[in-house]
Amino acid sequence: MTDDITTETAQTIATGQLRAFIERYERLDVEKKAISDDQKELVAEVKGSGFDVKAFKEIIKLRKKEDHERQEEEAMIQLYMDALGMT
């Protein structure tokens, strides 16, 4: 009988923990959607202010990279462009 109670208690705890994880994930999903909506609004503002959205997004991507990563990428692009006669 004690083993049944222990198993039942463990299952109750596991169920509660699982429910908490699921609810937390769902809250994060809601927050993620709100952030995405905010970013879309910001991009609309950027465009409305006359800035090039593609360039704006590219700058954001570049700022996320370390200097050395960015330099290596730029050097590789330049190498490929040179090889294709694009310079």
PDB file of N, CA and C in Angstrom:
ATOM      1  N   MET A   1       0.821  -1.192   0.000  1.00  0.00           N
ATOM      2  CA  MET A   1       0.000   0.000   0.000  1.00  0.00           C
ATOM      3  C   MET A   1       0.865   1.256   0.000  1.00  0.00           C
ATOM      4  N   THR A   2       1.939   1.242   0.761  1.00  0.00           N
ATOM      5  CA  THR A   2       2.831   2.397   0.823  1.00  0.00           C
ATOM      6  C   THR A   2       3.428   2.681  -0.545  1.00  0.00           C
ATOM      7  N   ASP A   3       3.773   1.634  -1.295  1.00  0.00           N
ATOM      8  CA  ASP A   3       4.326   1.814  -2.633  1.00  0.00           C
ATOM      9  C   ASP A   3       3.302   2.462  -3.562  1.00  0.00           C
ATOM     10  N   ASP A   4       2.019   2.088  -3.406  1.00  0.00           N
ATOM     11  CA  ASP A   4       0.960   2.683  -4.232  1.00  0.00           C
ATOM     12  C   ASP A   4       0.828   4.175  -3.948  1.00  0.00           C
ATOM     13  N   ILE A   5       0.903   4.545  -2.679  1.00  0.00           N
ATOM     14  CA  ILE A   5       0.789   5.955  -2.293  1.00  0.00           C
ATOM     15  C   ILE A   5       1.993   6.734  -2.814  1.00  0.00           C
ATOM     16  N   THR A   6       3.173   6.148  -2.701  1.00  0.00           N
ATOM     17  CA  THR A   6       4.387   6.798  -3.185  1.00  0.00           C
ATOM     18  C   THR A   6       4.321   6.994  -4.699  1.00  0.00           C
ATOM     19  N   THR A   7       3.888   5.989  -5.427  1.00  0.00           N
ATOM     20  CA  THR A   7       3.760   6.075  -6.880  1.00  0.00           C
ATOM     21  C   THR A   7       2.722   7.119  -7.257  1.00  0.00           C
ATOM     22  N   GLU A   8       1.611   7.112  -6.561  1.00  0.00           N
ATOM     23  CA  GLU A   8       0.544   8.074  -6.832  1.00  0.00           C
ATOM     24  C   GLU A   8       1.021   9.504  -6.561  1.00  0.00           C
ATOM     25  N   THR A   9       1.743   9.683  -5.475  1.00  0.00           N
ATOM     26  CA  THR A   9       2.284  11.006  -5.139  1.00  0.00           C
ATOM     27  C   THR A   9       3.275  11.458  -6.197  1.00  0.00           C
ATOM     28  N   ALA A  10       4.142  10.571  -6.635  1.00  0.00           N
ATOM     29  CA  ALA A  10       5.129  10.901  -7.664  1.00  0.00           C
ATOM     30  C   ALA A  10       4.430  11.283  -8.962  1.00  0.00           C
ATOM     31  N   GLN A  11       3.369  10.561  -9.322  1.00  0.00           N
ATOM     32  CA  GLN A  11       2.629  10.874 -10.542  1.00  0.00           C
ATOM     33  C   GLN A  11       1.936  12.225 -10.430  1.00  0.00           C
ATOM     34  N   THR A  12       1.401  12.528  -9.253  1.00  0.00           N
ATOM     35  CA  THR A  12       0.746  13.812  -9.030  1.00  0.00           C
ATOM     36  C   THR A  12       1.746  14.951  -9.164  1.00  0.00           C
ATOM     37  N   ILE A  13       2.920  14.748  -8.577  1.00  0.00           N
ATOM     38  CA  ILE A  13       3.977  15.767  -8.668  1.00  0.00           C
ATOM     39  C   ILE A  13       4.416  15.931 -10.112  1.00  0.00           C
ATOM     40  N   ALA A  14       4.633  14.825 -10.820  1.00  0.00           N
ATOM     41  CA  ALA A  14       5.064  14.882 -12.217  1.00  0.00           C
ATOM     42  C   ALA A  14       3.999  15.555 -13.077  1.00  0.00           C
ATOM     43  N   THR A  15       2.746  15.272 -12.827  1.00  0.00           N
ATOM     44  CA  THR A  15       1.656  15.887 -13.581  1.00  0.00           C
ATOM     45  C   THR A  15       1.627  17.392 -13.327  1.00  0.00           C
ATOM     46  N   GLY A  16       1.784  17.776 -12.079  1.00  0.00           N
ATOM     47  CA  GLY A  16       1.807  19.199 -11.741  1.00  0.00           C
ATOM     48  C   GLY A  16       2.974  19.912 -12.390  1.00  0.00           C
ATOM     49  N   GLN A  17       4.123  19.268 -12.383  1.00  0.00           N
ATOM     50  CA  GLN A  17       5.316  19.863 -12.992  1.00  0.00           C
ATOM     51  C   GLN A  17       5.134  19.997 -14.503  1.00  0.00           C
ATOM     52  N   LEU A  18       4.582  18.956 -15.128  1.00  0.00           N
ATOM     53  CA  LEU A  18       4.334  18.990 -16.561  1.00  0.00           C
ATOM     54  C   LEU A  18       3.358  20.111 -16.912  1.00  0.00           C
ATOM     55  N   ARG A  19       2.290  20.235 -16.131  1.00  0.00           N
ATOM     56  CA  ARG A  19       1.298  21.289 -16.356  1.00  0.00           C
ATOM     57  C   ARG A  19       1.966  22.672 -16.234  1.00  0.00           C
ATOM     58  N   ALA A  20       2.818  22.830 -15.246  1.00  0.00           N
ATOM     59  CA  ALA A  20       3.516  24.106 -15.046  1.00  0.00           C
ATOM     60  C   ALA A  20       4.421  24.421 -16.240  1.00  0.00           C
ATOM     61  N   PHE A  21       5.131  23.407 -16.758  1.00  0.00           N
ATOM     62  CA  PHE A  21       5.985  23.616 -17.926  1.00  0.00           C
ATOM     63  C   PHE A  21       5.147  24.044 -19.135  1.00  0.00           C
ATOM     64  N   ILE A  22       4.040  23.355 -19.348  1.00  0.00           N
ATOM     65  CA  ILE A  22       3.176  23.668 -20.486  1.00  0.00           C
ATOM     66  C   ILE A  22       2.621  25.082 -20.367  1.00  0.00           C
ATOM     67  N   GLU A  23       2.148  25.458 -19.203  1.00  0.00           N
ATOM     68  CA  GLU A  23       1.584  26.792 -19.002  1.00  0.00           C
ATOM     69  C   GLU A  23       2.655  27.870 -19.171  1.00  0.00           C
ATOM     70  N   ARG A  24       3.850  27.581 -18.692  1.00  0.00           N
ATOM     71  CA  ARG A  24       4.958  28.533 -18.857  1.00  0.00           C
ATOM     72  C   ARG A  24       5.282  28.714 -20.336  1.00  0.00           C
ATOM     73  N   TYR A  25       5.330  27.606 -21.068  1.00  0.00           N
ATOM     74  CA  TYR A  25       5.605  27.660 -22.504  1.00  0.00           C
ATOM     75  C   TYR A  25       4.531  28.477 -23.221  1.00  0.00           C
ATOM     76  N   GLU A  26       3.293  28.257 -22.850  1.00  0.00           N
ATOM     77  CA  GLU A  26       2.186  28.994 -23.470  1.00  0.00           C
ATOM     78  C   GLU A  26       2.295  30.498 -23.192  1.00  0.00           C
ATOM     79  N   ARG A  27       2.675  30.861 -21.980  1.00  0.00           N
ATOM     80  CA  ARG A  27       2.868  32.282 -21.655  1.00  0.00           C
ATOM     81  C   ARG A  27       3.987  32.880 -22.499  1.00  0.00           C
ATOM     82  N   LEU A  28       5.071  32.122 -22.645  1.00  0.00           N
ATOM     83  CA  LEU A  28       6.186  32.594 -23.462  1.00  0.00           C
ATOM     84  C   LEU A  28       5.771  32.759 -24.923  1.00  0.00           C
ATOM     85  N   ASP A  29       4.924  31.870 -25.400  1.00  0.00           N
ATOM     86  CA  ASP A  29       4.413  31.976 -26.764  1.00  0.00           C
ATOM     87  C   ASP A  29       3.636  33.273 -26.965  1.00  0.00           C
ATOM     88  N   VAL A  30       2.824  33.623 -25.982  1.00  0.00           N
ATOM     89  CA  VAL A  30       2.052  34.868 -26.041  1.00  0.00           C
ATOM     90  C   VAL A  30       3.003  36.065 -26.054  1.00  0.00           C
ATOM     91  N   GLU A  31       4.010  36.026 -25.193  1.00  0.00           N
ATOM     92  CA  GLU A  31       4.992  37.113 -25.143  1.00  0.00           C
ATOM     93  C   GLU A  31       5.752  37.228 -26.458  1.00  0.00           C
ATOM     94  N   LYS A  32       6.112  36.074 -27.042  1.00  0.00           N
ATOM     95  CA  LYS A  32       6.849  36.057 -28.296  1.00  0.00           C
ATOM     96  C   LYS A  32       6.015  36.702 -29.410  1.00  0.00           C
ATOM     97  N   LYS A  33       4.725  36.398 -29.442  1.00  0.00           N
ATOM     98  CA  LYS A  33       3.849  36.987 -30.453  1.00  0.00           C
ATOM     99  C   LYS A  33       3.750  38.494 -30.257  1.00  0.00           C
ATOM    100  N   ALA A  34       3.660  38.933 -29.022  1.00  0.00           N
ATOM    101  CA  ALA A  34       3.582  40.371 -28.742  1.00  0.00           C
ATOM    102  C   ALA A  34       4.859  41.072 -29.204  1.00  0.00           C
ATOM    103  N   ILE A  35       6.001  40.459 -28.948  1.00  0.00           N
ATOM    104  CA  ILE A  35       7.277  41.041 -29.377  1.00  0.00           C
ATOM    105  C   ILE A  35       7.346  41.086 -30.901  1.00  0.00           C
ATOM    106  N   SER A  36       6.914  40.016 -31.548  1.00  0.00           N
ATOM    107  CA  SER A  36       6.909  39.977 -33.013  1.00  0.00           C
ATOM    108  C   SER A  36       6.018  41.077 -33.586  1.00  0.00           C
ATOM    109  N   ASP A  37       4.861  41.281 -32.988  1.00  0.00           N
ATOM    110  CA  ASP A  37       3.962  42.349 -33.430  1.00  0.00           C
ATOM    111  C   ASP A  37       4.615  43.716 -33.246  1.00  0.00           C
ATOM    112  N   ASP A  38       5.302  43.907 -32.124  1.00  0.00           N
ATOM    113  CA  ASP A  38       6.005  45.169 -31.865  1.00  0.00           C
ATOM    114  C   ASP A  38       7.096  45.410 -32.909  1.00  0.00           C
ATOM    115  N   GLN A  39       7.811  44.346 -33.271  1.00  0.00           N
ATOM    116  CA  GLN A  39       8.864  44.481 -34.274  1.00  0.00           C
ATOM    117  C   GLN A  39       8.279  44.853 -35.637  1.00  0.00           C
ATOM    118  N   LYS A  40       7.136  44.263 -35.981  1.00  0.00           N
ATOM    119  CA  LYS A  40       6.489  44.601 -37.252  1.00  0.00           C
ATOM    120  C   LYS A  40       6.078  46.066 -37.267  1.00  0.00           C
ATOM    121  N   GLU A  41       5.560  46.545 -36.147  1.00  0.00           N
ATOM    122  CA  GLU A  41       5.189  47.956 -36.055  1.00  0.00           C
ATOM    123  C   GLU A  41       6.409  48.852 -36.211  1.00  0.00           C
ATOM    124  N   LEU A  42       7.511  48.466 -35.585  1.00  0.00           N
ATOM    125  CA  LEU A  42       8.741  49.245 -35.680  1.00  0.00           C
ATOM    126  C   LEU A  42       9.244  49.297 -37.115  1.00  0.00           C
ATOM    127  N   VAL A  43       9.211  48.164 -37.799  1.00  0.00           N
ATOM    128  CA  VAL A  43       9.655  48.124 -39.192  1.00  0.00           C
ATOM    129  C   VAL A  43       8.772  49.029 -40.046  1.00  0.00           C
ATOM    130  N   ALA A  44       7.480  49.059 -39.767  1.00  0.00           N
ATOM    131  CA  ALA A  44       6.576  49.961 -40.488  1.00  0.00           C
ATOM    132  C   ALA A  44       6.961  51.418 -40.226  1.00  0.00           C
ATOM    133  N   GLU A  45       7.343  51.725 -38.986  1.00  0.00           N
ATOM    134  CA  GLU A  45       7.807  53.081 -38.653  1.00  0.00           C
ATOM    135  C   GLU A  45       9.083  53.423 -39.406  1.00  0.00           C
ATOM    136  N   VAL A  46      10.002  52.463 -39.451  1.00  0.00           N
ATOM    137  CA  VAL A  46      11.272  52.658 -40.154  1.00  0.00           C
ATOM    138  C   VAL A  46      10.982  52.981 -41.623  1.00  0.00           C
ATOM    139  N   LYS A  47      10.125  52.185 -42.237  1.00  0.00           N
ATOM    140  CA  LYS A  47       9.766  52.388 -43.638  1.00  0.00           C
ATOM    141  C   LYS A  47       9.066  53.733 -43.820  1.00  0.00           C
ATOM    142  N   GLY A  48       8.153  54.049 -42.914  1.00  0.00           N
ATOM    143  CA  GLY A  48       7.429  55.310 -42.982  1.00  0.00           C
ATOM    144  C   GLY A  48       8.326  56.527 -42.818  1.00  0.00           C
ATOM    145  N   SER A  49       9.458  56.331 -42.174  1.00  0.00           N
ATOM    146  CA  SER A  49      10.419  57.429 -41.981  1.00  0.00           C
ATOM    147  C   SER A  49      11.367  57.567 -43.166  1.00  0.00           C
ATOM    148  N   GLY A  50      11.190  56.703 -44.168  1.00  0.00           N
ATOM    149  CA  GLY A  50      11.994  56.806 -45.371  1.00  0.00           C
ATOM    150  C   GLY A  50      13.256  55.963 -45.404  1.00  0.00           C
ATOM    151  N   PHE A  51      13.451  55.126 -44.399  1.00  0.00           N
ATOM    152  CA  PHE A  51      14.632  54.261 -44.381  1.00  0.00           C
ATOM    153  C   PHE A  51      14.364  53.004 -45.195  1.00  0.00           C
ATOM    154  N   ASP A  52      15.433  52.423 -45.731  1.00  0.00           N
ATOM    155  CA  ASP A  52      15.347  51.178 -46.482  1.00  0.00           C
ATOM    156  C   ASP A  52      15.269  50.019 -45.490  1.00  0.00           C
ATOM    157  N   VAL A  53      14.180  49.293 -45.518  1.00  0.00           N
ATOM    158  CA  VAL A  53      13.939  48.222 -44.551  1.00  0.00           C
ATOM    159  C   VAL A  53      14.941  47.084 -44.708  1.00  0.00           C
ATOM    160  N   LYS A  54      15.264  46.734 -45.945  1.00  0.00           N
ATOM    161  CA  LYS A  54      16.219  45.657 -46.187  1.00  0.00           C
ATOM    162  C   LYS A  54      17.584  45.997 -45.577  1.00  0.00           C
ATOM    163  N   ALA A  55      18.032  47.223 -45.783  1.00  0.00           N
ATOM    164  CA  ALA A  55      19.316  47.658 -45.221  1.00  0.00           C
ATOM    165  C   ALA A  55      19.233  47.695 -43.691  1.00  0.00           C
ATOM    166  N   PHE A  56      18.121  48.161 -43.172  1.00  0.00           N
ATOM    167  CA  PHE A  56      17.903  48.219 -41.724  1.00  0.00           C
ATOM    168  C   PHE A  56      18.037  46.833 -41.097  1.00  0.00           C
ATOM    169  N   LYS A  57      17.389  45.854 -41.715  1.00  0.00           N
ATOM    170  CA  LYS A  57      17.444  44.476 -41.188  1.00  0.00           C
ATOM    171  C   LYS A  57      18.838  43.880 -41.333  1.00  0.00           C
ATOM    172  N   GLU A  58      19.526  44.220 -42.403  1.00  0.00           N
ATOM    173  CA  GLU A  58      20.893  43.723 -42.607  1.00  0.00           C
ATOM    174  C   GLU A  58      21.834  44.271 -41.536  1.00  0.00           C
ATOM    175  N   ILE A  59      21.677  45.529 -41.195  1.00  0.00           N
ATOM    176  CA  ILE A  59      22.495  46.133 -40.136  1.00  0.00           C
ATOM    177  C   ILE A  59      22.245  45.416 -38.809  1.00  0.00           C
ATOM    178  N   ILE A  60      21.007  45.101 -38.529  1.00  0.00           N
ATOM    179  CA  ILE A  60      20.681  44.377 -37.289  1.00  0.00           C
ATOM    180  C   ILE A  60      21.374  43.021 -37.275  1.00  0.00           C
ATOM    181  N   LYS A  61      21.328  42.299 -38.411  1.00  0.00           N
ATOM    182  CA  LYS A  61      22.011  41.002 -38.502  1.00  0.00           C
ATOM    183  C   LYS A  61      23.506  41.147 -38.270  1.00  0.00           C
ATOM    184  N   LEU A  62      24.095  42.176 -38.884  1.00  0.00           N
ATOM    185  CA  LEU A  62      25.540  42.381 -38.757  1.00  0.00           C
ATOM    186  C   LEU A  62      25.943  42.738 -37.333  1.00  0.00           C
ATOM    187  N   ARG A  63      25.123  43.516 -36.654  1.00  0.00           N
ATOM    188  CA  ARG A  63      25.444  43.925 -35.278  1.00  0.00           C
ATOM    189  C   ARG A  63      25.423  42.748 -34.304  1.00  0.00           C
ATOM    190  N   LYS A  64      24.734  41.684 -34.662  1.00  0.00           N
ATOM    191  CA  LYS A  64      24.675  40.495 -33.801  1.00  0.00           C
ATOM    192  C   LYS A  64      25.965  39.680 -33.870  1.00  0.00           C
ATOM    193  N   LYS A  65      26.748  39.919 -34.916  1.00  0.00           N
ATOM    194  CA  LYS A  65      27.965  39.135 -35.126  1.00  0.00           C
ATOM    195  C   LYS A  65      29.168  39.828 -34.489  1.00  0.00           C
ATOM    196  N   GLU A  66      30.138  39.023 -34.129  1.00  0.00           N
ATOM    197  CA  GLU A  66      31.413  39.538 -33.642  1.00  0.00           C
ATOM    198  C   GLU A  66      32.153  40.168 -34.823  1.00  0.00           C
ATOM    199  N   ASP A  67      33.046  41.109 -34.530  1.00  0.00           N
ATOM    200  CA  ASP A  67      33.806  41.785 -35.589  1.00  0.00           C
ATOM    201  C   ASP A  67      34.527  40.787 -36.499  1.00  0.00           C
ATOM    202  N   HIS A  68      35.196  39.816 -35.883  1.00  0.00           N
ATOM    203  CA  HIS A  68      35.969  38.859 -36.685  1.00  0.00           C
ATOM    204  C   HIS A  68      35.065  38.024 -37.577  1.00  0.00           C
ATOM    205  N   GLU A  69      33.864  37.679 -37.102  1.00  0.00           N
ATOM    206  CA  GLU A  69      32.919  36.915 -37.924  1.00  0.00           C
ATOM    207  C   GLU A  69      32.487  37.741 -39.139  1.00  0.00           C
ATOM    208  N   ARG A  70      32.174  38.991 -38.871  1.00  0.00           N
ATOM    209  CA  ARG A  70      31.724  39.894 -39.922  1.00  0.00           C
ATOM    210  C   ARG A  70      32.830  40.092 -40.960  1.00  0.00           C
ATOM    211  N   GLN A  71      34.061  40.277 -40.493  1.00  0.00           N
ATOM    212  CA  GLN A  71      35.192  40.485 -41.414  1.00  0.00           C
ATOM    213  C   GLN A  71      35.456  39.242 -42.264  1.00  0.00           C
ATOM    214  N   GLU A  72      35.370  38.065 -41.649  1.00  0.00           N
ATOM    215  CA  GLU A  72      35.570  36.824 -42.400  1.00  0.00           C
ATOM    216  C   GLU A  72      34.500  36.658 -43.472  1.00  0.00           C
ATOM    217  N   GLU A  73      33.265  36.963 -43.107  1.00  0.00           N
ATOM    218  CA  GLU A  73      32.161  36.848 -44.052  1.00  0.00           C
ATOM    219  C   GLU A  73      32.335  37.826 -45.214  1.00  0.00           C
ATOM    220  N   GLU A  74      32.680  39.060 -44.893  1.00  0.00           N
ATOM    221  CA  GLU A  74      32.884  40.074 -45.930  1.00  0.00           C
ATOM    222  C   GLU A  74      34.041  39.688 -46.859  1.00  0.00           C
ATOM    223  N   ALA A  75      35.115  39.131 -46.290  1.00  0.00           N
ATOM    224  CA  ALA A  75      36.260  38.711 -47.093  1.00  0.00           C
ATOM    225  C   ALA A  75      35.863  37.571 -48.037  1.00  0.00           C
ATOM    226  N   MET A  76      35.055  36.632 -47.557  1.00  0.00           N
ATOM    227  CA  MET A  76      34.620  35.510 -48.380  1.00  0.00           C
ATOM    228  C   MET A  76      33.708  35.997 -49.505  1.00  0.00           C
ATOM    229  N   ILE A  77      32.823  36.916 -49.203  1.00  0.00           N
ATOM    230  CA  ILE A  77      31.939  37.477 -50.230  1.00  0.00           C
ATOM    231  C   ILE A  77      32.768  38.201 -51.282  1.00  0.00           C
ATOM    232  N   GLN A  78      33.744  38.973 -50.841  1.00  0.00           N
ATOM    233  CA  GLN A  78      34.612  39.692 -51.777  1.00  0.00           C
ATOM    234  C   GLN A  78      35.376  38.717 -52.666  1.00  0.00           C
ATOM    235  N   LEU A  79      35.885  37.633 -52.075  1.00  0.00           N
ATOM    236  CA  LEU A  79      36.602  36.611 -52.827  1.00  0.00           C
ATOM    237  C   LEU A  79      35.706  36.010 -53.905  1.00  0.00           C
ATOM    238  N   TYR A  80      34.488  35.676 -53.561  1.00  0.00           N
ATOM    239  CA  TYR A  80      33.546  35.089 -54.515  1.00  0.00           C
ATOM    240  C   TYR A  80      33.194  36.102 -55.621  1.00  0.00           C
ATOM    241  N   MET A  81      32.985  37.347 -55.230  1.00  0.00           N
ATOM    242  CA  MET A  81      32.676  38.374 -56.223  1.00  0.00           C
ATOM    243  C   MET A  81      33.836  38.578 -57.191  1.00  0.00           C
ATOM    244  N   ASP A  82      35.049  38.585 -56.655  1.00  0.00           N
ATOM    245  CA  ASP A  82      36.232  38.699 -57.509  1.00  0.00           C
ATOM    246  C   ASP A  82      36.308  37.518 -58.482  1.00  0.00           C
ATOM    247  N   ALA A  83      36.054  36.317 -57.984  1.00  0.00           N
ATOM    248  CA  ALA A  83      36.115  35.119 -58.808  1.00  0.00           C
ATOM    249  C   ALA A  83      35.071  35.163 -59.930  1.00  0.00           C
ATOM    250  N   LEU A  84      33.951  35.811 -59.684  1.00  0.00           N
ATOM    251  CA  LEU A  84      32.893  35.897 -60.682  1.00  0.00           C
ATOM    252  C   LEU A  84      32.991  37.153 -61.536  1.00  0.00           C
ATOM    253  N   GLY A  85      34.031  37.955 -61.313  1.00  0.00           N
ATOM    254  CA  GLY A  85      34.226  39.171 -62.083  1.00  0.00           C
ATOM    255  C   GLY A  85      33.190  40.245 -61.770  1.00  0.00           C
ATOM    256  N   MET A  86      32.732  40.276 -60.564  1.00  0.00           N
ATOM    257  CA  MET A  86      31.686  41.227 -60.167  1.00  0.00           C
ATOM    258  C   MET A  86      32.231  42.492 -59.560  1.00  0.00           C
ATOM    259  N   THR A  87      33.552  42.649 -59.501  1.00  0.00           N
ATOM    260  CA  THR A  87      34.119  43.850 -58.876  1.00  0.00           C
ATOM    261  C   THR A  87      34.696  44.794 -59.882  1.00  0.00           C
TER     262      THR A  87
END
